[in-house]
Amino acid sequence: IRDSPKLGAIAPKVGQTIIDDMTQPISSVYNNFENFQDINSDMFIN
């Protein structure tokens, strides 16, 4: 029972600012946190 879609739409990366470029290494991990866990869970069940 998920409160988010597992295969949600992939948002395009547009309008990258200087701040976006600086924070991307951290923000990418945070934004893909659920994706990492989904991949891990799929591996466990497979």
All heavy atoms as atom14 arrays in JSON, in Angstrom:
{
  "sequence": "IRDSPKLGAIAPKVGQTIIDDMTQPISSVYNNFENFQDINSDMFIN",
  "atom14_mask": [
    [1, 1, 1, 1, 1, 1, 1, 1, 0, 0, 0, 0, 0, 0],
    [1, 1, 1, 1, 1, 1, 1, 1, 1, 1, 1, 0, 0, 0],
    [1, 1, 1, 1, 1, 1, 1, 1, 0, 0, 0, 0, 0, 0],
    [1, 1, 1, 1, 1, 1, 0, 0, 0, 0, 0, 0, 0, 0],
    [1, 1, 1, 1, 1, 1, 1, 0, 0, 0, 0, 0, 0, 0],
    [1, 1, 1, 1, 1, 1, 1, 1, 1, 0, 0, 0, 0, 0],
    [1, 1, 1, 1, 1, 1, 1, 1, 0, 0, 0, 0, 0, 0],
    [1, 1, 1, 1, 0, 0, 0, 0, 0, 0, 0, 0, 0, 0],
    [1, 1, 1, 1, 1, 0, 0, 0, 0, 0, 0, 0, 0, 0],
    [1, 1, 1, 1, 1, 1, 1, 1, 0, 0, 0, 0, 0, 0],
    [1, 1, 1, 1, 1, 0, 0, 0, 0, 0, 0, 0, 0, 0],
    [1, 1, 1, 1, 1, 1, 1, 0, 0, 0, 0, 0, 0, 0],
    [1, 1, 1, 1, 1, 1, 1, 1, 1, 0, 0, 0, 0, 0],
    [1, 1, 1, 1, 1, 1, 1, 0, 0, 0, 0, 0, 0, 0],
    [1, 1, 1, 1, 0, 0, 0, 0, 0, 0, 0, 0, 0, 0],
    [1, 1, 1, 1, 1, 1, 1, 1, 1, 0, 0, 0, 0, 0],
    [1, 1, 1, 1, 1, 1, 1, 0, 0, 0, 0, 0, 0, 0],
    [1, 1, 1, 1, 1, 1, 1, 1, 0, 0, 0, 0, 0, 0],
    [1, 1, 1, 1, 1, 1, 1, 1, 0, 0, 0, 0, 0, 0],
    [1, 1, 1, 1, 1, 1, 1, 1, 0, 0, 0, 0, 0, 0],
    [1, 1, 1, 1, 1, 1, 1, 1, 0, 0, 0, 0, 0, 0],
    [1, 1, 1, 1, 1, 1, 1, 1, 0, 0, 0, 0, 0, 0],
    [1, 1, 1, 1, 1, 1, 1, 0, 0, 0, 0, 0, 0, 0],
    [1, 1, 1, 1, 1, 1, 1, 1, 1, 0, 0, 0, 0, 0],
    [1, 1, 1, 1, 1, 1, 1, 0, 0, 0, 0, 0, 0, 0],
    [1, 1, 1, 1, 1, 1, 1, 1, 0, 0, 0, 0, 0, 0],
    [1, 1, 1, 1, 1, 1, 0, 0, 0, 0, 0, 0, 0, 0],
    [1, 1, 1, 1, 1, 1, 0, 0, 0, 0, 0, 0, 0, 0],
    [1, 1, 1, 1, 1, 1, 1, 0, 0, 0, 0, 0, 0, 0],
    [1, 1, 1, 1, 1, 1, 1, 1, 1, 1, 1, 1, 0, 0],
    [1, 1, 1, 1, 1, 1, 1, 1, 0, 0, 0, 0, 0, 0],
    [1, 1, 1, 1, 1, 1, 1, 1, 0, 0, 0, 0, 0, 0],
    [1, 1, 1, 1, 1, 1, 1, 1, 1, 1, 1, 0, 0, 0],
    [1, 1, 1, 1, 1, 1, 1, 1, 1, 0, 0, 0, 0, 0],
    [1, 1, 1, 1, 1, 1, 1, 1, 0, 0, 0, 0, 0, 0],
    [1, 1, 1, 1, 1, 1, 1, 1, 1, 1, 1, 0, 0, 0],
    [1, 1, 1, 1, 1, 1, 1, 1, 1, 0, 0, 0, 0, 0],
    [1, 1, 1, 1, 1, 1, 1, 1, 0, 0, 0, 0, 0, 0],
    [1, 1, 1, 1, 1, 1, 1, 1, 0, 0, 0, 0, 0, 0],
    [1, 1, 1, 1, 1, 1, 1, 1, 0, 0, 0, 0, 0, 0],
    [1, 1, 1, 1, 1, 1, 0, 0, 0, 0, 0, 0, 0, 0],
    [1, 1, 1, 1, 1, 1, 1, 1, 0, 0, 0, 0, 0, 0],
    [1, 1, 1, 1, 1, 1, 1, 1, 0, 0, 0, 0, 0, 0],
    [1, 1, 1, 1, 1, 1, 1, 1, 1, 1, 1, 0, 0, 0],
    [1, 1, 1, 1, 1, 1, 1, 1, 0, 0, 0, 0, 0, 0],
    [1, 1, 1, 1, 1, 1, 1, 1, 0, 0, 0, 0, 0, 0]
  ],
  "atom14_positions": [
    [[0.88, -1.18, 0.0], [0.0, 0.0, 0.0], [0.9, 1.22, 0.0], [1.5, 1.58, 1.01], [-0.93, -0.01, 1.22], [-1.75, -1.3, 1.25], [-1.86, 1.2, 1.2], [-2.6, -1.46, 2.49], [0.0, 0.0, 0.0], [0.0, 0.0, 0.0], [0.0, 0.0, 0.0], [0.0, 0.0, 0.0], [0.0, 0.0, 0.0], [0.0, 0.0, 0.0]],
    [[0.99, 1.84, -1.16], [1.96, 2.91, -1.38], [1.25, 4.27, -1.44], [0.19, 4.39, -2.05], [2.71, 2.69, -2.7], [3.4, 1.36, -2.84], [3.94, 1.21, -4.25], [4.78, 2.33, -4.62], [6.11, 2.34, -4.54], [6.74, 1.26, -4.1], [6.81, 3.39, -4.89], [0.0, 0.0, 0.0], [0.0, 0.0, 0.0], [0.0, 0.0, 0.0]],
    [[1.89, 5.27, -0.85], [1.32, 6.61, -0.96], [1.95, 7.39, -2.11], [1.81, 8.6, -2.2], [1.49, 7.38, 0.36], [2.86, 8.03, 0.49], [3.84, 7.41, 0.06], [2.93, 9.15, 1.02], [0.0, 0.0, 0.0], [0.0, 0.0, 0.0], [0.0, 0.0, 0.0], [0.0, 0.0, 0.0], [0.0, 0.0, 0.0], [0.0, 0.0, 0.0]],
    [[2.65, 6.66, -2.99], [3.26, 7.27, -4.18], [3.28, 6.23, -5.29], [3.4, 5.03, -5.02], [4.68, 7.77, -3.88], [5.5, 6.68, -3.48], [0.0, 0.0, 0.0], [0.0, 0.0, 0.0], [0.0, 0.0, 0.0], [0.0, 0.0, 0.0], [0.0, 0.0, 0.0], [0.0, 0.0, 0.0], [0.0, 0.0, 0.0], [0.0, 0.0, 0.0]],
    [[3.17, 6.66, -6.53], [3.22, 5.7, -7.64], [4.61, 5.11, -7.79], [5.61, 5.81, -7.65], [2.82, 6.54, -8.85], [3.17, 7.94, -8.48], [2.96, 8.05, -7.0], [0.0, 0.0, 0.0], [0.0, 0.0, 0.0], [0.0, 0.0, 0.0], [0.0, 0.0, 0.0], [0.0, 0.0, 0.0], [0.0, 0.0, 0.0], [0.0, 0.0, 0.0]],
    [[4.67, 3.84, -8.08], [5.97, 3.2, -8.21], [6.64, 3.58, -9.52], [7.86, 3.74, -9.59], [5.82, 1.68, -8.13], [7.16, 0.96, -8.08], [7.01, -0.51, -7.83], [8.38, -1.17, -7.73], [8.28, -2.62, -7.52], [0.0, 0.0, 0.0], [0.0, 0.0, 0.0], [0.0, 0.0, 0.0], [0.0, 0.0, 0.0], [0.0, 0.0, 0.0]],
    [[5.85, 3.7, -10.57], [6.4, 4.06, -11.88], [5.86, 5.43, -12.27], [5.14, 5.58, -13.26], [6.02, 3.0, -12.94], [6.54, 1.59, -12.67], [6.05, 0.63, -13.74], [8.06, 1.57, -12.6], [0.0, 0.0, 0.0], [0.0, 0.0, 0.0], [0.0, 0.0, 0.0], [0.0, 0.0, 0.0], [0.0, 0.0, 0.0], [0.0, 0.0, 0.0]],
    [[6.19, 6.41, -11.47], [5.75, 7.77, -11.76], [6.44, 8.36, -12.97], [7.47, 7.85, -13.44], [0.0, 0.0, 0.0], [0.0, 0.0, 0.0], [0.0, 0.0, 0.0], [0.0, 0.0, 0.0], [0.0, 0.0, 0.0], [0.0, 0.0, 0.0], [0.0, 0.0, 0.0], [0.0, 0.0, 0.0], [0.0, 0.0, 0.0], [0.0, 0.0, 0.0]],
    [[5.88, 9.43, -13.48], [6.45, 10.08, -14.65], [7.84, 10.62, -14.33], [8.11, 11.09, -13.21], [5.54, 11.22, -15.12], [0.0, 0.0, 0.0], [0.0, 0.0, 0.0], [0.0, 0.0, 0.0], [0.0, 0.0, 0.0], [0.0, 0.0, 0.0], [0.0, 0.0, 0.0], [0.0, 0.0, 0.0], [0.0, 0.0, 0.0], [0.0, 0.0, 0.0]],
    [[8.73, 10.53, -15.3], [10.09, 11.04, -15.14], [10.11, 12.51, -15.51], [9.84, 12.88, -16.65], [11.08, 10.24, -16.0], [11.05, 8.77, -15.62], [12.49, 10.81, -15.86], [11.91, 7.89, -16.49], [0.0, 0.0, 0.0], [0.0, 0.0, 0.0], [0.0, 0.0, 0.0], [0.0, 0.0, 0.0], [0.0, 0.0, 0.0], [0.0, 0.0, 0.0]],
    [[10.42, 13.35, -14.56], [10.41, 14.79, -14.8], [11.68, 15.21, -15.52], [12.79, 14.81, -15.14], [10.29, 15.54, -13.47], [0.0, 0.0, 0.0], [0.0, 0.0, 0.0], [0.0, 0.0, 0.0], [0.0, 0.0, 0.0], [0.0, 0.0, 0.0], [0.0, 0.0, 0.0], [0.0, 0.0, 0.0], [0.0, 0.0, 0.0], [0.0, 0.0, 0.0]],
    [[11.56, 16.01, -16.56], [12.76, 16.48, -17.28], [13.51, 17.51, -16.46], [12.92, 18.28, -15.7], [12.18, 17.11, -18.55], [10.8, 17.54, -18.16], [10.31, 16.53, -17.17], [0.0, 0.0, 0.0], [0.0, 0.0, 0.0], [0.0, 0.0, 0.0], [0.0, 0.0, 0.0], [0.0, 0.0, 0.0], [0.0, 0.0, 0.0], [0.0, 0.0, 0.0]],
    [[14.81, 17.52, -16.61], [15.65, 18.5, -15.94], [15.78, 19.73, -16.83], [16.48, 19.72, -17.84], [17.03, 17.92, -15.65], [17.05, 16.92, -14.51], [16.76, 17.59, -13.18], [16.86, 16.61, -12.03], [16.58, 17.25, -10.74], [0.0, 0.0, 0.0], [0.0, 0.0, 0.0], [0.0, 0.0, 0.0], [0.0, 0.0, 0.0], [0.0, 0.0, 0.0]],
    [[15.08, 20.79, -16.46], [15.11, 22.01, -17.26], [15.46, 23.18, -16.35], [15.23, 23.15, -15.14], [13.75, 22.27, -17.95], [13.47, 21.18, -18.96], [12.63, 22.34, -16.92], [0.0, 0.0, 0.0], [0.0, 0.0, 0.0], [0.0, 0.0, 0.0], [0.0, 0.0, 0.0], [0.0, 0.0, 0.0], [0.0, 0.0, 0.0], [0.0, 0.0, 0.0]],
    [[15.99, 24.23, -16.96], [16.27, 25.46, -16.21], [17.25, 25.27, -15.07], [17.0, 25.74, -13.96], [0.0, 0.0, 0.0], [0.0, 0.0, 0.0], [0.0, 0.0, 0.0], [0.0, 0.0, 0.0], [0.0, 0.0, 0.0], [0.0, 0.0, 0.0], [0.0, 0.0, 0.0], [0.0, 0.0, 0.0], [0.0, 0.0, 0.0], [0.0, 0.0, 0.0]],
    [[18.33, 24.56, -15.31], [19.33, 24.34, -14.27], [20.05, 25.65, -13.94], [20.68, 26.25, -14.8], [20.36, 23.31, -14.74], [19.85, 21.88, -14.74], [19.78, 21.29, -13.36], [18.69, 21.18, -12.8], [20.91, 20.93, -12.8], [0.0, 0.0, 0.0], [0.0, 0.0, 0.0], [0.0, 0.0, 0.0], [0.0, 0.0, 0.0], [0.0, 0.0, 0.0]],
    [[19.94, 26.07, -12.71], [20.63, 27.27, -12.26], [21.99, 26.9, -11.68], [22.32, 25.72, -11.52], [19.8, 28.01, -11.2], [19.68, 27.18, -10.04], [18.41, 28.33, -11.74], [0.0, 0.0, 0.0], [0.0, 0.0, 0.0], [0.0, 0.0, 0.0], [0.0, 0.0, 0.0], [0.0, 0.0, 0.0], [0.0, 0.0, 0.0], [0.0, 0.0, 0.0]],
    [[22.76, 27.91, -11.33], [24.05, 27.67, -10.7], [23.86, 26.95, -9.37], [24.59, 26.01, -9.03], [24.81, 28.99, -10.51], [25.12, 29.63, -11.87], [26.09, 28.76, -9.72], [25.79, 30.98, -11.77], [0.0, 0.0, 0.0], [0.0, 0.0, 0.0], [0.0, 0.0, 0.0], [0.0, 0.0, 0.0], [0.0, 0.0, 0.0], [0.0, 0.0, 0.0]],
    [[22.86, 27.39, -8.61], [22.58, 26.74, -7.32], [22.15, 25.3, -7.54], [22.53, 24.4, -6.78], [21.5, 27.54, -6.55], [22.03, 28.94, -6.22], [21.08, 26.8, -5.3], [21.03, 29.81, -5.49], [0.0, 0.0, 0.0], [0.0, 0.0, 0.0], [0.0, 0.0, 0.0], [0.0, 0.0, 0.0], [0.0, 0.0, 0.0], [0.0, 0.0, 0.0]],
    [[21.34, 25.04, -8.58], [20.94, 23.67, -8.89], [22.15, 22.79, -9.16], [22.23, 21.64, -8.71], [19.99, 23.65, -10.09], [18.65, 24.27, -9.78], [18.27, 24.26, -8.6], [17.99, 24.76, -10.72], [0.0, 0.0, 0.0], [0.0, 0.0, 0.0], [0.0, 0.0, 0.0], [0.0, 0.0, 0.0], [0.0, 0.0, 0.0], [0.0, 0.0, 0.0]],
    [[23.09, 23.32, -9.92], [24.29, 22.55, -10.24], [25.11, 22.26, -8.98], [25.71, 21.18, -8.85], [25.16, 23.31, -11.24], [24.52, 23.37, -12.62], [23.72, 22.46, -12.93], [24.81, 24.32, -13.38], [0.0, 0.0, 0.0], [0.0, 0.0, 0.0], [0.0, 0.0, 0.0], [0.0, 0.0, 0.0], [0.0, 0.0, 0.0], [0.0, 0.0, 0.0]],
    [[25.13, 23.21, -8.06], [25.91, 23.03, -6.83], [25.25, 22.01, -5.9], [25.94, 21.25, -5.21], [26.08, 24.37, -6.12], [26.94, 25.38, -6.87], [26.96, 27.0, -6.06], [27.67, 26.57, -4.48], [0.0, 0.0, 0.0], [0.0, 0.0, 0.0], [0.0, 0.0, 0.0], [0.0, 0.0, 0.0], [0.0, 0.0, 0.0], [0.0, 0.0, 0.0]],
    [[23.93, 22.0, -5.86], [23.21, 21.13, -4.92], [22.81, 19.8, -5.52], [22.28, 18.95, -4.81], [21.95, 21.85, -4.4], [21.1, 22.17, -5.52], [22.32, 23.13, -3.67], [0.0, 0.0, 0.0], [0.0, 0.0, 0.0], [0.0, 0.0, 0.0], [0.0, 0.0, 0.0], [0.0, 0.0, 0.0], [0.0, 0.0, 0.0], [0.0, 0.0, 0.0]],
    [[23.02, 19.62, -6.81], [22.54, 18.41, -7.47], [23.08, 17.12, -6.87], [22.34, 16.14, -6.74], [22.86, 18.47, -8.97], [22.15, 17.38, -9.78], [22.29, 17.6, -11.27], [23.2, 18.28, -11.72], [21.39, 17.04, -12.03], [0.0, 0.0, 0.0], [0.0, 0.0, 0.0], [0.0, 0.0, 0.0], [0.0, 0.0, 0.0], [0.0, 0.0, 0.0]],
    [[24.36, 17.03, -6.49], [24.83, 15.77, -5.9], [24.04, 15.34, -4.68], [23.84, 14.16, -4.44], [26.29, 16.09, -5.54], [26.68, 17.16, -6.5], [25.46, 18.0, -6.68], [0.0, 0.0, 0.0], [0.0, 0.0, 0.0], [0.0, 0.0, 0.0], [0.0, 0.0, 0.0], [0.0, 0.0, 0.0], [0.0, 0.0, 0.0], [0.0, 0.0, 0.0]],
    [[23.59, 16.32, -3.89], [22.81, 16.0, -2.69], [21.33, 15.85, -3.04], [20.66, 14.9, -2.61], [23.01, 17.07, -1.61], [24.48, 17.13, -1.2], [22.12, 16.8, -0.4], [24.79, 18.23, -0.21], [0.0, 0.0, 0.0], [0.0, 0.0, 0.0], [0.0, 0.0, 0.0], [0.0, 0.0, 0.0], [0.0, 0.0, 0.0], [0.0, 0.0, 0.0]],
    [[20.8, 16.79, -3.81], [19.38, 16.76, -4.14], [19.0, 15.53, -4.95], [17.88, 15.01, -4.81], [18.99, 18.04, -4.89], [19.67, 18.12, -6.13], [0.0, 0.0, 0.0], [0.0, 0.0, 0.0], [0.0, 0.0, 0.0], [0.0, 0.0, 0.0], [0.0, 0.0, 0.0], [0.0, 0.0, 0.0], [0.0, 0.0, 0.0], [0.0, 0.0, 0.0]],
    [[19.9, 15.06, -5.79], [19.58, 13.88, -6.6], [19.39, 12.65, -5.71], [18.52, 11.81, -5.98], [20.7, 13.62, -7.62], [21.94, 13.37, -6.97], [0.0, 0.0, 0.0], [0.0, 0.0, 0.0], [0.0, 0.0, 0.0], [0.0, 0.0, 0.0], [0.0, 0.0, 0.0], [0.0, 0.0, 0.0], [0.0, 0.0, 0.0], [0.0, 0.0, 0.0]],
    [[20.2, 12.55, -4.65], [20.03, 11.44, -3.72], [18.7, 11.55, -2.99], [17.95, 10.57, -2.87], [21.2, 11.41, -2.7], [20.95, 10.34, -1.64], [22.51, 11.16, -3.42], [0.0, 0.0, 0.0], [0.0, 0.0, 0.0], [0.0, 0.0, 0.0], [0.0, 0.0, 0.0], [0.0, 0.0, 0.0], [0.0, 0.0, 0.0], [0.0, 0.0, 0.0]],
    [[18.38, 12.74, -2.52], [17.11, 12.95, -1.79], [15.91, 12.7, -2.69], [14.96, 12.01, -2.32], [17.08, 14.37, -1.23], [15.75, 14.72, -0.59], [15.45, 14.28, 0.7], [14.8, 15.48, -1.26], [14.24, 14.58, 1.29], [13.59, 15.79, -0.68], [13.31, 15.34, 0.6], [12.11, 15.64, 1.18], [0.0, 0.0, 0.0], [0.0, 0.0, 0.0]],
    [[15.95, 13.24, -3.91], [14.81, 13.11, -4.81], [14.59, 11.68, -5.29], [13.47, 11.33, -5.68], [15.0, 14.04, -6.02], [14.97, 15.5, -5.64], [14.31, 15.88, -4.66], [15.67, 16.35, -6.4], [0.0, 0.0, 0.0], [0.0, 0.0, 0.0], [0.0, 0.0, 0.0], [0.0, 0.0, 0.0], [0.0, 0.0, 0.0], [0.0, 0.0, 0.0]],
    [[15.65, 10.88, -5.3], [15.54, 9.5, -5.77], [15.57, 8.49, -4.63], [15.8, 7.3, -4.86], [16.68, 9.19, -6.76], [16.51, 9.93, -8.06], [15.55, 9.73, -8.8], [17.45, 10.82, -8.35], [0.0, 0.0, 0.0], [0.0, 0.0, 0.0], [0.0, 0.0, 0.0], [0.0, 0.0, 0.0], [0.0, 0.0, 0.0], [0.0, 0.0, 0.0]],
    [[15.3, 8.98, -3.42], [15.38, 8.11, -2.25], [14.43, 6.92, -2.38], [14.8, 5.77, -2.14], [15.04, 8.93, -1.0], [15.62, 8.36, 0.26], [16.99, 8.23, 0.41], [14.81, 7.96, 1.3], [17.54, 7.72, 1.57], [15.34, 7.44, 2.46], [16.71, 7.31, 2.6], [0.0, 0.0, 0.0], [0.0, 0.0, 0.0], [0.0, 0.0, 0.0]],
    [[13.18, 7.19, -2.75], [12.2, 6.12, -2.9], [12.57, 5.19, -4.04], [12.34, 3.97, -3.96], [10.81, 6.71, -3.11], [10.23, 7.37, -1.87], [8.78, 7.8, -2.07], [8.31, 7.73, -3.23], [8.13, 8.18, -1.08], [0.0, 0.0, 0.0], [0.0, 0.0, 0.0], [0.0, 0.0, 0.0], [0.0, 0.0, 0.0], [0.0, 0.0, 0.0]],
    [[13.16, 5.72, -5.11], [13.57, 4.87, -6.23], [14.65, 3.88, -5.8], [14.63, 2.71, -6.18], [14.08, 5.73, -7.39], [12.97, 6.55, -8.02], [11.82, 6.13, -8.02], [13.31, 7.71, -8.55], [0.0, 0.0, 0.0], [0.0, 0.0, 0.0], [0.0, 0.0, 0.0], [0.0, 0.0, 0.0], [0.0, 0.0, 0.0], [0.0, 0.0, 0.0]],
    [[15.61, 4.36, -5.0], [16.65, 3.47, -4.49], [16.03, 2.33, -3.68], [16.41, 1.16, -3.82], [17.65, 4.24, -3.62], [18.41, 5.3, -4.35], [18.89, 6.42, -3.68], [18.66, 5.19, -5.71], [19.6, 7.4, -4.36], [19.37, 6.17, -6.39], [19.84, 7.27, -5.72], [0.0, 0.0, 0.0], [0.0, 0.0, 0.0], [0.0, 0.0, 0.0]],
    [[15.07, 2.68, -2.82], [14.45, 1.67, -1.98], [13.61, 0.7, -2.79], [13.56, -0.5, -2.48], [13.61, 2.35, -0.9], [14.42, 3.14, 0.11], [13.58, 3.69, 1.25], [12.36, 3.62, 1.23], [14.25, 4.24, 2.25], [0.0, 0.0, 0.0], [0.0, 0.0, 0.0], [0.0, 0.0, 0.0], [0.0, 0.0, 0.0], [0.0, 0.0, 0.0]],
    [[12.92, 1.21, -3.81], [12.14, 0.32, -4.68], [13.03, -0.69, -5.39], [12.71, -1.88, -5.48], [11.38, 1.15, -5.73], [10.09, 1.74, -5.17], [9.51, 1.12, -4.26], [9.67, 2.81, -5.64], [0.0, 0.0, 0.0], [0.0, 0.0, 0.0], [0.0, 0.0, 0.0], [0.0, 0.0, 0.0], [0.0, 0.0, 0.0], [0.0, 0.0, 0.0]],
    [[14.16, -0.22, -5.9], [15.09, -1.13, -6.58], [15.61, -2.19, -5.61], [15.7, -3.38, -5.94], [16.27, -0.32, -7.17], [15.75, 0.59, -8.3], [17.35, -1.25, -7.69], [16.78, 1.58, -8.8], [0.0, 0.0, 0.0], [0.0, 0.0, 0.0], [0.0, 0.0, 0.0], [0.0, 0.0, 0.0], [0.0, 0.0, 0.0], [0.0, 0.0, 0.0]],
    [[15.91, -1.77, -4.37], [16.39, -2.7, -3.36], [15.32, -3.73, -3.0], [15.6, -4.93, -2.87], [16.83, -1.93, -2.12], [17.6, -2.78, -1.13], [18.5, -3.53, -1.52], [17.25, -2.67, 0.14], [0.0, 0.0, 0.0], [0.0, 0.0, 0.0], [0.0, 0.0, 0.0], [0.0, 0.0, 0.0], [0.0, 0.0, 0.0], [0.0, 0.0, 0.0]],
    [[14.07, -3.26, -2.83], [12.97, -4.17, -2.49], [12.72, -5.17, -3.61], [12.48, -6.37, -3.35], [11.7, -3.37, -2.19], [11.89, -2.51, -1.09], [0.0, 0.0, 0.0], [0.0, 0.0, 0.0], [0.0, 0.0, 0.0], [0.0, 0.0, 0.0], [0.0, 0.0, 0.0], [0.0, 0.0, 0.0], [0.0, 0.0, 0.0], [0.0, 0.0, 0.0]],
    [[12.73, -4.7, -4.84], [12.53, -5.61, -5.98], [13.61, -6.68, -6.01], [13.33, -7.85, -6.31], [12.55, -4.81, -7.29], [11.29, -3.97, -7.48], [10.34, -4.17, -6.71], [11.28, -3.12, -8.39], [0.0, 0.0, 0.0], [0.0, 0.0, 0.0], [0.0, 0.0, 0.0], [0.0, 0.0, 0.0], [0.0, 0.0, 0.0], [0.0, 0.0, 0.0]],
    [[14.84, -6.29, -5.7], [15.93, -7.25, -5.7], [15.71, -8.31, -4.62], [15.91, -9.51, -4.86], [17.26, -6.53, -5.47], [18.47, -7.45, -5.48], [20.0, -6.59, -5.05], [19.68, -6.18, -3.33], [0.0, 0.0, 0.0], [0.0, 0.0, 0.0], [0.0, 0.0, 0.0], [0.0, 0.0, 0.0], [0.0, 0.0, 0.0], [0.0, 0.0, 0.0]],
    [[15.26, -7.9, -3.42], [14.99, -8.84, -2.34], [13.94, -9.86, -2.76], [14.09, -11.07, -2.55], [14.52, -8.08, -1.09], [15.6, -7.77, -0.12], [16.61, -6.87, -0.43], [15.62, -8.37, 1.13], [17.61, -6.58, 0.47], [16.62, -8.08, 2.04], [17.62, -7.18, 1.71], [0.0, 0.0, 0.0], [0.0, 0.0, 0.0], [0.0, 0.0, 0.0]],
    [[12.84, -9.36, -3.35], [11.74, -10.26, -3.71], [12.12, -11.15, -4.89], [11.78, -12.35, -4.92], [10.48, -9.44, -4.01], [10.0, -8.72, -2.74], [9.37, -10.34, -4.55], [8.81, -7.82, -2.94], [0.0, 0.0, 0.0], [0.0, 0.0, 0.0], [0.0, 0.0, 0.0], [0.0, 0.0, 0.0], [0.0, 0.0, 0.0], [0.0, 0.0, 0.0]],
    [[12.84, -10.62, -5.84], [13.27, -11.43, -6.98], [14.2, -12.55, -6.54], [14.13, -13.68, -7.04], [13.95, -10.55, -8.03], [12.98, -9.61, -8.72], [11.77, -9.86, -8.73], [13.49, -8.52, -9.26], [0.0, 0.0, 0.0], [0.0, 0.0, 0.0], [0.0, 0.0, 0.0], [0.0, 0.0, 0.0], [0.0, 0.0, 0.0], [0.0, 0.0, 0.0]]
  ]
}
